[in-house]
Amino acid sequence: MNSSIRLNRILWNRLTACLFQCIAPCMLATMLLFADQSLSANTNDSINSAIAKATAFLVEQGQADDGSFSSQVGPAITALAVTALVETGTAADSPEIAKGIDYLLRFAHNDGGIHPPDSAVANYETAIAIMALAACNKTGTHDERLLKAKAFVKGLQWTEEEGETPSSPAYGGAGYGRKKRPDLSNTSFLIEALRASGSGPDDPAIQRALLFVSRSQNLEGPANTLPFPTKNPDGGFYYTPAAGGESQAGTTPTGGLRSYASMTYAGLKSMIFAGVTKDDPRVKAATEWLAKHYSFTENPGMGDSGLFYYYQTAAKSLSALGGDSFRDADGIEHDWRAELAAEIISRQQPDGSWVNSNARWMEGDPNLVTSYALLALALCKEK
């Protein structure tokens, strides 16, 4: 081979190598982009299929002729089912939703409450009903009813009227009904209901609730000077600081209240809805606890108890936190939407429903559990 040919070949090889180095990253990025889009499409397809089957179950098997779902326990499950159906694509003016709303409004009182007479869980029922009415209030039909219902649940919040002061453990919280001990679960529903019906973080009721939420966290600080959280300062949340404090997960060997995931997500979601930012020590501590206990195979700290309540609470919290991924304590980035959706879908029954084999907190009721699952899946879809 003569020298000119050899030189040309060397130059050609260098040119192609240079072109490859320039083009390869673009090709790789393009391939990854299409792969990511394909994965998102596959996830959404799976979610849409699961939603379609679940919707058919609720409408064809779960809903009674009077529009209710599991009416034996009052209107709350009907409200959850209506909200879940609308959030996953059922038209707010569809016959099944209209029947559900008509059933709910049978329980409406002049004082704004939406509950059976003498209900022991009037706050819970009305807060859930507010979310259903807000989801269906596309044309303002329910504006007046929502205003009255909001005033009703605000009136059940623990304030000075119950003899509390802003430094009291129960102050700002909400329980199942009037005079019922406040807890984080019902307080988080209160905040969510107020937010769904138009209240912003500056609503005084939400700011009062934030005091209670902050005191439900195992983290001492300016917003939490109660004595017992210092025994377990791990940054997670427990059920209630009222009446001496209680955690559904029990206590630590030193007497601290154990944190668990469903309440930690409920606390995190509530703080974000109340305007607390990501750089706040409370949000950081809660996020760090969740990073150490990231899992969708169980409700960390509670096993399979309240598993589907946990799923919908986690989805709402992670969505409010923002971002497409969540980094666990080992530094692993998780596509939380895809992972949560996959876990939920893997548990769907052949008839389209979901049910928890652990029936604690009524999770043996397929109408309730299917509603929880749909609320979570609605937030798992890639936008």
Protein backbone atom coordinates (compact mmCIF):
# COMPACT_ATOMS: atom_id res chain seq x y z
CA MET A 1 0.00 0.00 0.00
CA ASN A 2 1.52 3.34 -1.00
CA SER A 3 1.91 6.19 1.46
CA SER A 4 -0.89 8.34 0.03
CA ILE A 5 -3.44 5.54 0.34
CA ARG A 6 -2.26 4.77 3.87
CA LEU A 7 -2.56 8.47 4.80
CA ASN A 8 -6.05 8.70 3.33
CA ARG A 9 -7.17 5.64 5.28
CA ILE A 10 -5.73 7.03 8.52
CA LEU A 11 -7.50 10.33 7.94
CA TRP A 12 -10.73 8.50 7.10
CA ASN A 13 -10.55 6.41 10.28
CA ARG A 14 -9.90 9.48 12.37
CA LEU A 15 -12.78 11.32 10.71
CA THR A 16 -15.25 8.48 11.28
CA ALA A 17 -14.07 8.09 14.87
CA CYS A 18 -14.56 11.78 15.46
CA LEU A 19 -18.02 11.70 13.86
CA PHE A 20 -18.96 8.69 16.00
CA GLN A 21 -17.84 10.44 19.17
CA CYS A 22 -19.99 13.42 18.25
CA ILE A 23 -23.02 11.50 17.05
CA ALA A 24 -23.07 8.58 19.47
CA PRO A 25 -24.16 10.59 22.51
CA CYS A 26 -26.99 12.07 20.49
CA MET A 27 -27.99 8.64 19.24
CA LEU A 28 -27.84 7.28 22.78
CA ALA A 29 -29.88 10.19 24.13
CA THR A 30 -32.44 9.66 21.39
CA MET A 31 -32.62 5.94 22.10
CA LEU A 32 -33.05 6.60 25.82
CA LEU A 33 -35.71 9.21 25.11
CA PHE A 34 -37.71 6.81 22.97
CA ALA A 35 -37.18 4.03 25.53
CA ASP A 36 -38.41 6.32 28.31
CA GLN A 37 -41.43 7.33 26.24
CA SER A 38 -42.11 3.66 25.51
CA LEU A 39 -41.91 2.78 29.19
CA SER A 40 -44.23 5.67 30.06
CA ALA A 41 -46.67 4.59 27.38
CA ASN A 42 -46.60 1.01 28.63
CA THR A 43 -47.17 2.18 32.22
CA ASN A 44 -50.05 4.40 31.17
CA ASP A 45 -51.56 1.59 29.09
CA SER A 46 -51.43 -0.73 32.09
CA ILE A 47 -52.92 1.93 34.36
CA ASN A 48 -55.69 2.73 31.88
CA SER A 49 -56.56 -0.94 31.58
CA ALA A 50 -56.68 -1.35 35.36
CA ILE A 51 -58.81 1.79 35.71
CA ALA A 52 -61.26 0.57 33.07
CA LYS A 53 -61.75 -2.75 34.86
CA ALA A 54 -62.09 -1.06 38.25
CA THR A 55 -64.59 1.46 36.90
CA ALA A 56 -66.70 -1.33 35.47
CA PHE A 57 -66.62 -3.11 38.83
CA LEU A 58 -67.71 -0.07 40.81
CA VAL A 59 -70.47 0.97 38.41
CA GLU A 60 -71.82 -2.51 37.64
CA GLN A 61 -71.29 -4.32 40.94
CA GLY A 62 -70.45 -1.78 43.61
CA GLN A 63 -73.13 0.86 43.10
CA ALA A 64 -76.63 0.24 44.41
CA ASP A 65 -79.79 1.38 42.65
CA ASP A 66 -80.03 4.40 44.94
CA GLY A 67 -76.58 5.59 43.83
CA SER A 68 -74.75 4.55 46.99
CA PHE A 69 -71.64 2.46 47.56
CA SER A 70 -71.56 0.41 50.79
CA SER A 71 -74.42 2.44 52.27
CA GLN A 72 -74.44 0.29 55.41
CA VAL A 73 -71.57 2.40 56.75
CA GLY A 74 -72.98 5.77 55.78
CA PRO A 75 -72.14 8.14 52.90
CA ALA A 76 -68.33 8.27 53.18
CA ILE A 77 -67.52 5.35 50.86
CA THR A 78 -69.99 6.72 48.30
CA ALA A 79 -68.12 10.03 48.41
CA LEU A 80 -64.75 8.30 48.00
CA ALA A 81 -66.03 6.23 45.09
CA VAL A 82 -67.50 9.26 43.34
CA THR A 83 -64.24 11.19 43.74
CA ALA A 84 -62.16 8.24 42.54
CA LEU A 85 -64.31 7.70 39.46
CA VAL A 86 -64.22 11.35 38.45
CA GLU A 87 -60.47 11.65 39.08
CA THR A 88 -59.84 8.65 36.81
CA GLY A 89 -61.94 9.86 33.90
CA THR A 90 -65.63 9.22 34.51
CA ALA A 91 -67.57 12.31 33.44
CA ALA A 92 -68.87 14.40 36.31
CA ASP A 93 -72.28 14.60 34.62
CA SER A 94 -72.53 10.86 33.91
CA PRO A 95 -75.60 9.03 35.27
CA GLU A 96 -73.62 7.02 37.83
CA ILE A 97 -71.90 10.12 39.23
CA ALA A 98 -75.17 12.06 39.29
CA LYS A 99 -76.81 9.22 41.22
CA GLY A 100 -73.92 9.15 43.67
CA ILE A 101 -74.10 12.89 44.30
CA ASP A 102 -77.88 12.75 44.72
CA TYR A 103 -77.38 10.05 47.34
CA LEU A 104 -74.79 12.13 49.20
CA LEU A 105 -77.03 15.19 49.27
CA ARG A 106 -79.71 13.20 51.06
CA PHE A 107 -77.48 13.58 54.11
CA ALA A 108 -77.02 17.35 53.77
CA HIS A 109 -78.07 19.43 56.78
CA ASN A 110 -78.86 23.10 57.06
CA ASP A 111 -75.70 23.66 59.12
CA GLY A 112 -73.56 22.37 56.23
CA GLY A 113 -72.86 18.91 57.57
CA ILE A 114 -73.22 15.94 55.22
CA HIS A 115 -73.79 12.92 57.43
CA PRO A 116 -76.54 10.73 58.91
CA PRO A 117 -78.38 12.10 61.95
CA ASP A 118 -76.40 11.72 65.18
CA SER A 119 -73.35 10.48 63.29
CA ALA A 120 -70.26 9.86 65.39
CA VAL A 121 -68.02 10.57 62.39
CA ALA A 122 -69.64 13.72 60.99
CA ASN A 123 -66.34 15.51 60.38
CA TYR A 124 -64.87 12.61 58.42
CA GLU A 125 -68.04 12.10 56.37
CA THR A 126 -68.43 15.79 55.55
CA ALA A 127 -64.76 16.25 54.63
CA ILE A 128 -64.90 13.30 52.23
CA ALA A 129 -68.20 14.60 50.79
CA ILE A 130 -66.59 18.02 50.21
CA MET A 131 -63.93 16.37 48.03
CA ALA A 132 -66.60 14.57 46.00
CA LEU A 133 -68.66 17.72 45.50
CA ALA A 134 -65.55 19.71 44.58
CA ALA A 135 -64.52 17.09 42.01
CA CYS A 136 -67.94 17.38 40.37
CA ASN A 137 -68.32 21.14 40.65
CA LYS A 138 -67.33 21.97 37.08
CA THR A 139 -70.10 24.53 36.57
CA GLY A 140 -70.41 25.89 40.10
CA THR A 141 -73.53 23.91 40.87
CA HIS A 142 -72.30 23.02 44.32
CA ASP A 143 -70.76 26.36 45.32
CA GLU A 144 -73.28 27.17 48.03
CA ARG A 145 -73.26 23.66 49.45
CA LEU A 146 -69.46 23.66 49.56
CA LEU A 147 -69.33 26.96 51.44
CA LYS A 148 -71.71 25.63 54.09
CA ALA A 149 -69.87 22.31 54.34
CA LYS A 150 -66.51 24.09 54.75
CA ALA A 151 -67.95 26.19 57.56
CA PHE A 152 -69.26 23.03 59.21
CA VAL A 153 -65.92 21.19 59.26
CA LYS A 154 -64.09 24.32 60.41
CA GLY A 155 -66.51 24.42 63.32
CA LEU A 156 -65.42 20.93 64.36
CA GLN A 157 -61.75 21.86 64.52
CA TRP A 158 -60.27 21.91 68.03
CA THR A 159 -59.83 25.57 68.93
CA GLU A 160 -60.38 27.89 71.87
CA GLU A 161 -64.05 26.91 71.84
CA GLU A 162 -63.06 23.48 73.14
CA GLY A 163 -60.93 25.07 75.83
CA GLU A 164 -57.69 24.60 73.89
CA THR A 165 -54.93 27.17 73.49
CA PRO A 166 -52.48 27.36 70.57
CA SER A 167 -49.89 25.57 72.72
CA SER A 168 -52.21 22.63 73.51
CA PRO A 169 -51.48 19.26 71.84
CA ALA A 170 -55.01 19.02 70.41
CA TYR A 171 -55.20 22.58 69.10
CA GLY A 172 -55.92 22.83 65.36
CA GLY A 173 -56.66 19.14 64.96
CA ALA A 174 -59.79 17.39 63.76
CA GLY A 175 -61.23 14.06 64.84
CA TYR A 176 -63.98 11.87 63.47
CA GLY A 177 -66.65 14.15 64.92
CA ARG A 178 -67.26 16.93 67.43
CA LYS A 179 -65.52 16.28 70.75
CA LYS A 180 -63.76 13.27 69.23
CA ARG A 181 -60.06 13.23 69.95
CA PRO A 182 -58.22 14.83 67.01
CA ASP A 183 -55.84 12.73 64.94
CA LEU A 184 -53.52 13.23 61.99
CA SER A 185 -55.59 11.19 59.54
CA ASN A 186 -58.76 13.24 60.02
CA THR A 187 -56.78 16.47 60.17
CA SER A 188 -55.14 15.63 56.84
CA PHE A 189 -58.60 14.99 55.35
CA LEU A 190 -59.73 18.37 56.72
CA ILE A 191 -56.81 20.17 55.05
CA GLU A 192 -57.35 18.30 51.79
CA ALA A 193 -61.08 19.04 51.79
CA LEU A 194 -60.52 22.74 52.39
CA ARG A 195 -57.89 22.83 49.67
CA ALA A 196 -60.10 20.95 47.19
CA SER A 197 -62.88 23.46 47.73
CA GLY A 198 -60.72 26.51 47.09
CA SER A 199 -58.90 27.38 50.32
CA GLY A 200 -55.24 28.31 50.09
CA PRO A 201 -52.44 27.84 52.61
CA ASP A 202 -53.31 31.19 54.21
CA ASP A 203 -56.72 29.95 55.37
CA PRO A 204 -56.63 30.31 59.18
CA ALA A 205 -58.16 26.86 59.59
CA ILE A 206 -55.34 25.30 57.56
CA GLN A 207 -52.72 27.20 59.55
CA ARG A 208 -54.30 26.02 62.80
CA ALA A 209 -54.27 22.49 61.44
CA LEU A 210 -50.58 22.88 60.60
CA LEU A 211 -49.83 23.35 64.30
CA PHE A 212 -51.44 20.01 65.04
CA VAL A 213 -49.69 18.32 62.11
CA SER A 214 -46.30 19.62 63.27
CA ARG A 215 -46.93 18.21 66.76
CA SER A 216 -47.68 14.81 65.23
CA GLN A 217 -44.08 14.57 64.02
CA ASN A 218 -41.22 12.92 65.86
CA LEU A 219 -39.16 16.07 65.58
CA GLU A 220 -38.57 18.69 68.21
CA GLY A 221 -38.44 22.27 67.02
CA PRO A 222 -40.08 25.69 67.20
CA ALA A 223 -43.39 24.22 65.98
CA ASN A 224 -43.23 21.24 68.32
CA THR A 225 -42.22 21.65 71.93
CA LEU A 226 -44.15 18.67 73.31
CA PRO A 227 -42.05 16.52 75.64
CA PHE A 228 -42.58 13.04 74.22
CA PRO A 229 -41.37 13.30 70.59
CA THR A 230 -37.81 13.77 71.87
CA LYS A 231 -37.82 10.07 72.84
CA ASN A 232 -38.00 9.12 69.17
CA PRO A 233 -36.65 12.01 67.08
CA ASP A 234 -36.61 10.17 63.74
CA GLY A 235 -38.61 12.72 61.72
CA GLY A 236 -41.56 10.44 60.95
CA PHE A 237 -45.18 10.92 61.99
CA TYR A 238 -47.57 9.09 64.30
CA TYR A 239 -51.34 9.11 64.82
CA THR A 240 -51.96 11.84 67.39
CA PRO A 241 -50.23 14.00 69.99
CA ALA A 242 -53.55 14.58 71.81
CA ALA A 243 -54.49 12.95 75.10
CA GLY A 244 -50.91 11.94 75.82
CA GLY A 245 -50.16 10.80 72.27
CA GLU A 246 -50.75 7.56 70.41
CA SER A 247 -49.22 5.68 67.49
CA GLN A 248 -51.03 2.86 65.73
CA ALA A 249 -47.55 1.34 65.34
CA GLY A 250 -46.99 1.22 69.10
CA THR A 251 -44.05 2.52 71.10
CA THR A 252 -40.29 2.17 71.07
CA PRO A 253 -38.41 0.43 73.92
CA THR A 254 -37.76 3.87 75.41
CA GLY A 255 -41.44 4.85 75.30
CA GLY A 256 -41.38 6.96 72.15
CA LEU A 257 -44.21 6.87 69.65
CA ARG A 258 -43.29 4.83 66.60
CA SER A 259 -43.47 6.53 63.24
CA TYR A 260 -45.13 4.76 60.32
CA ALA A 261 -45.37 5.44 56.62
CA SER A 262 -49.05 6.18 56.04
CA MET A 263 -49.03 8.89 58.72
CA THR A 264 -45.66 10.21 57.58
CA TYR A 265 -46.98 10.67 54.05
CA ALA A 266 -50.17 12.20 55.49
CA GLY A 267 -48.08 14.63 57.53
CA LEU A 268 -45.81 15.52 54.62
CA LYS A 269 -48.76 16.09 52.28
CA SER A 270 -50.50 18.25 54.86
CA MET A 271 -47.44 20.43 55.45
CA ILE A 272 -46.98 21.00 51.72
CA PHE A 273 -50.67 21.88 51.30
CA ALA A 274 -50.26 24.31 54.21
CA GLY A 275 -47.45 26.10 52.41
CA VAL A 276 -44.41 24.58 54.12
CA THR A 277 -41.47 24.53 51.68
CA LYS A 278 -39.03 21.75 50.84
CA ASP A 279 -36.16 23.39 52.70
CA ASP A 280 -38.11 23.49 55.97
CA PRO A 281 -36.58 21.14 58.61
CA ARG A 282 -39.94 19.42 59.04
CA VAL A 283 -40.24 18.53 55.35
CA LYS A 284 -36.59 17.48 55.19
CA ALA A 285 -36.94 15.22 58.22
CA ALA A 286 -40.13 13.60 56.90
CA THR A 287 -38.57 13.04 53.48
CA GLU A 288 -35.47 11.49 55.05
CA TRP A 289 -37.62 9.10 57.09
CA LEU A 290 -39.52 8.07 53.97
CA ALA A 291 -36.25 7.60 52.08
CA LYS A 292 -35.12 5.14 54.75
CA HIS A 293 -38.40 3.24 54.55
CA TYR A 294 -39.23 3.48 50.84
CA SER A 295 -41.46 0.54 49.91
CA PHE A 296 -44.76 -0.22 48.24
CA THR A 297 -44.89 -3.90 49.17
CA GLU A 298 -46.10 -2.87 52.64
CA ASN A 299 -47.11 0.11 54.74
CA PRO A 300 -43.75 0.49 56.52
CA GLY A 301 -44.26 0.27 60.25
CA MET A 302 -47.70 -1.32 59.84
CA GLY A 303 -47.19 -4.22 57.41
CA ASP A 304 -50.37 -4.81 55.42
CA SER A 305 -52.61 -2.85 57.80
CA GLY A 306 -54.17 0.08 55.98
CA LEU A 307 -52.20 -0.78 52.86
CA PHE A 308 -54.50 0.86 50.31
CA TYR A 309 -55.08 3.93 52.44
CA TYR A 310 -51.29 4.10 52.43
CA TYR A 311 -51.13 3.85 48.63
CA GLN A 312 -53.46 6.79 47.99
CA THR A 313 -51.81 8.88 50.70
CA ALA A 314 -48.33 8.16 49.33
CA ALA A 315 -49.41 9.06 45.79
CA LYS A 316 -50.90 12.37 46.91
CA SER A 317 -47.84 13.23 48.99
CA LEU A 318 -45.24 12.33 46.36
CA SER A 319 -47.23 14.22 43.73
CA ALA A 320 -47.38 17.28 46.00
CA LEU A 321 -43.65 16.98 46.72
CA GLY A 322 -42.97 17.20 42.99
CA GLY A 323 -40.50 15.43 40.75
CA ASP A 324 -40.66 12.28 38.70
CA SER A 325 -38.36 10.30 40.95
CA PHE A 326 -37.75 9.75 44.64
CA ARG A 327 -34.28 9.01 46.01
CA ASP A 328 -34.09 6.43 48.79
CA ALA A 329 -31.54 6.41 51.62
CA ASP A 330 -29.14 4.31 49.52
CA GLY A 331 -29.09 6.93 46.79
CA ILE A 332 -31.23 4.90 44.38
CA GLU A 333 -33.59 6.94 42.22
CA HIS A 334 -37.06 5.43 41.97
CA ASP A 335 -39.71 6.13 39.35
CA TRP A 336 -42.31 6.17 42.09
CA ARG A 337 -45.27 6.42 39.72
CA ALA A 338 -44.29 3.32 37.74
CA GLU A 339 -43.34 1.34 40.86
CA LEU A 340 -46.49 2.23 42.79
CA ALA A 341 -48.72 1.55 39.78
CA ALA A 342 -47.07 -1.82 39.17
CA GLU A 343 -47.57 -2.87 42.80
CA ILE A 344 -51.21 -1.79 42.84
CA ILE A 345 -52.01 -3.42 39.50
CA SER A 346 -50.39 -6.67 40.61
CA ARG A 347 -52.96 -6.83 43.42
CA GLN A 348 -56.07 -6.25 41.28
CA GLN A 349 -58.70 -8.99 41.45
CA PRO A 350 -60.03 -10.70 38.29
CA ASP A 351 -63.34 -8.82 38.62
CA GLY A 352 -61.51 -5.48 38.54
CA SER A 353 -61.73 -4.73 42.24
CA TRP A 354 -59.14 -4.56 44.99
CA VAL A 355 -59.48 -5.87 48.52
CA ASN A 356 -57.00 -6.17 51.37
CA SER A 357 -56.69 -9.59 52.98
CA ASN A 358 -56.10 -7.65 56.19
CA ALA A 359 -59.56 -6.18 56.83
CA ARG A 360 -58.41 -3.71 59.48
CA TRP A 361 -59.84 -0.21 59.00
CA MET A 362 -62.54 -1.60 56.70
CA GLU A 363 -60.11 -2.64 53.96
CA GLY A 364 -62.09 -5.82 53.48
CA ASP A 365 -64.68 -3.70 51.64
CA PRO A 366 -63.92 -3.81 47.89
CA ASN A 367 -65.76 -0.53 47.24
CA LEU A 368 -63.56 1.32 49.71
CA VAL A 369 -60.32 -0.35 48.66
CA THR A 370 -61.02 -0.01 44.93
CA SER A 371 -61.67 3.69 45.47
CA TYR A 372 -58.34 4.05 47.29
CA ALA A 373 -56.56 2.22 44.46
CA LEU A 374 -58.14 4.43 41.80
CA LEU A 375 -57.21 7.61 43.67
CA ALA A 376 -53.60 6.42 43.72
CA LEU A 377 -53.56 5.33 40.07
CA ALA A 378 -54.94 8.69 38.98
CA LEU A 379 -51.69 10.26 40.22
CA CYS A 380 -49.45 7.51 38.84
CA LYS A 381 -50.26 8.28 35.22
CA GLU A 382 -47.55 10.10 33.28
CA LYS A 383 -48.90 13.45 32.17
